[in-house]
Amino acid sequence: MTPASNPSRVAVIVPVRNGAATIEECLLALQQEPGVDELIVVDDGSTDDTAARLIRFEGVRVIRHGEPRGAPATRNTGAQATQADILAFVDADVVVLE
């Protein structure tokens, strides 16, 4: 098979905890990125308005930890939730620019 007939799938995983101030801008930018097949946000037990802000994003898969587990566990949760060939991790306070 040639790469053109079997393209790699790309998932972007965004771990977040109490990121209400930045998560929307982060996700808006990521949704504009070409080549992203799956966008996964793992909410690591946020106690602020993060969950309410995530509801607004159609097509974004949200996974919630009931209590904080830490950044490594949050990244691993996202990685285990996808079957994509390529994984990219972006912190919730980062805005990806073209």
Protein backbone atom coordinates (compact mmCIF):
# COMPACT_ATOMS: atom_id res chain seq x y z
CA MET A 1 0.00 0.00 0.00
CA THR A 2 1.16 3.47 -0.72
CA PRO A 3 0.91 6.23 1.89
CA ALA A 4 -1.71 7.99 -0.25
CA SER A 5 -4.03 4.98 -0.03
CA ASN A 6 -3.50 4.56 3.71
CA PRO A 7 -3.00 8.01 5.26
CA SER A 8 -2.03 8.27 8.89
CA ARG A 9 -4.65 9.54 11.31
CA VAL A 10 -3.66 12.41 13.59
CA ALA A 11 -5.08 13.02 17.06
CA VAL A 12 -4.39 16.11 19.14
CA ILE A 13 -4.73 15.57 22.88
CA VAL A 14 -5.21 18.55 25.20
CA PRO A 15 -4.82 17.84 28.92
CA VAL A 16 -6.46 20.54 31.05
CA ARG A 17 -7.07 21.31 34.70
CA ASN A 18 -8.76 24.56 35.64
CA GLY A 19 -8.11 26.00 32.20
CA ALA A 20 -11.33 27.96 31.72
CA ALA A 21 -9.40 31.14 30.95
CA THR A 22 -7.53 29.63 27.99
CA ILE A 23 -9.20 26.44 26.74
CA GLU A 24 -11.58 28.10 24.28
CA GLU A 25 -8.89 30.00 22.41
CA CYS A 26 -6.72 26.87 22.34
CA LEU A 27 -9.50 24.71 20.87
CA LEU A 28 -10.65 27.32 18.36
CA ALA A 29 -7.12 27.42 16.95
CA LEU A 30 -6.77 23.64 16.88
CA GLN A 31 -10.09 23.21 15.07
CA GLN A 32 -8.67 25.34 12.25
CA GLU A 33 -5.59 23.16 11.80
CA PRO A 34 -5.66 21.04 8.64
CA GLY A 35 -4.86 17.38 9.06
CA VAL A 36 -6.26 16.96 12.57
CA ASP A 37 -8.58 13.98 12.47
CA GLU A 38 -9.46 13.83 16.16
CA LEU A 39 -9.37 16.38 18.95
CA ILE A 40 -9.46 14.99 22.50
CA VAL A 41 -9.59 17.05 25.69
CA VAL A 42 -8.93 15.31 28.99
CA ASP A 43 -10.26 17.35 31.90
CA ASP A 44 -8.21 16.41 34.96
CA GLY A 45 -10.76 17.14 37.67
CA SER A 46 -11.24 20.85 36.99
CA THR A 47 -13.05 22.83 39.68
CA ASP A 48 -13.51 26.00 37.63
CA ASP A 49 -15.71 26.67 34.57
CA THR A 50 -13.68 24.43 32.22
CA ALA A 51 -16.40 21.78 31.79
CA ALA A 52 -19.05 24.37 30.85
CA ARG A 53 -16.73 25.88 28.25
CA LEU A 54 -15.97 22.48 26.72
CA ILE A 55 -19.66 21.77 26.07
CA ARG A 56 -19.64 24.49 23.41
CA PHE A 57 -17.23 22.62 21.15
CA GLU A 58 -18.85 20.26 18.69
CA GLY A 59 -16.65 17.48 17.40
CA VAL A 60 -14.28 17.61 20.37
CA ARG A 61 -14.15 14.44 22.42
CA VAL A 62 -14.09 15.26 26.14
CA ILE A 63 -12.96 12.78 28.78
CA ARG A 64 -13.22 13.75 32.44
CA HIS A 65 -11.28 12.52 35.43
CA GLY A 66 -13.42 12.77 38.56
CA GLU A 67 -10.42 13.86 40.58
CA PRO A 68 -6.98 15.17 39.59
CA ARG A 69 -4.51 12.48 38.51
CA GLY A 70 -1.71 14.68 37.23
CA ALA A 71 -0.39 15.60 33.80
CA PRO A 72 1.23 12.25 32.88
CA ALA A 73 -1.91 10.26 33.70
CA THR A 74 -4.05 12.79 31.86
CA ARG A 75 -1.91 12.49 28.72
CA ASN A 76 -2.03 8.70 28.97
CA THR A 77 -5.83 8.76 29.24
CA GLY A 78 -5.99 10.71 25.99
CA ALA A 79 -3.50 8.43 24.25
CA GLN A 80 -5.46 5.34 25.27
CA ALA A 81 -8.70 6.87 23.97
CA THR A 82 -7.62 7.07 20.34
CA GLN A 83 -6.57 4.70 17.59
CA ALA A 84 -4.78 7.42 15.65
CA ASP A 85 -1.32 6.69 14.25
CA ILE A 86 0.14 10.06 15.21
CA LEU A 87 -0.44 11.75 18.57
CA ALA A 88 0.27 15.39 19.35
CA PHE A 89 -0.06 16.89 22.82
CA VAL A 90 -0.89 20.57 23.27
CA ASP A 91 -1.27 22.25 26.66
CA ALA A 92 -4.54 24.09 27.24
CA ASP A 93 -2.80 27.46 27.54
CA VAL A 94 -1.19 27.19 24.08
CA VAL A 95 -2.66 28.73 20.93
CA VAL A 96 -1.34 27.07 17.79
CA LEU A 97 -0.72 29.55 14.98
CA GLU A 98 -0.48 28.73 11.29
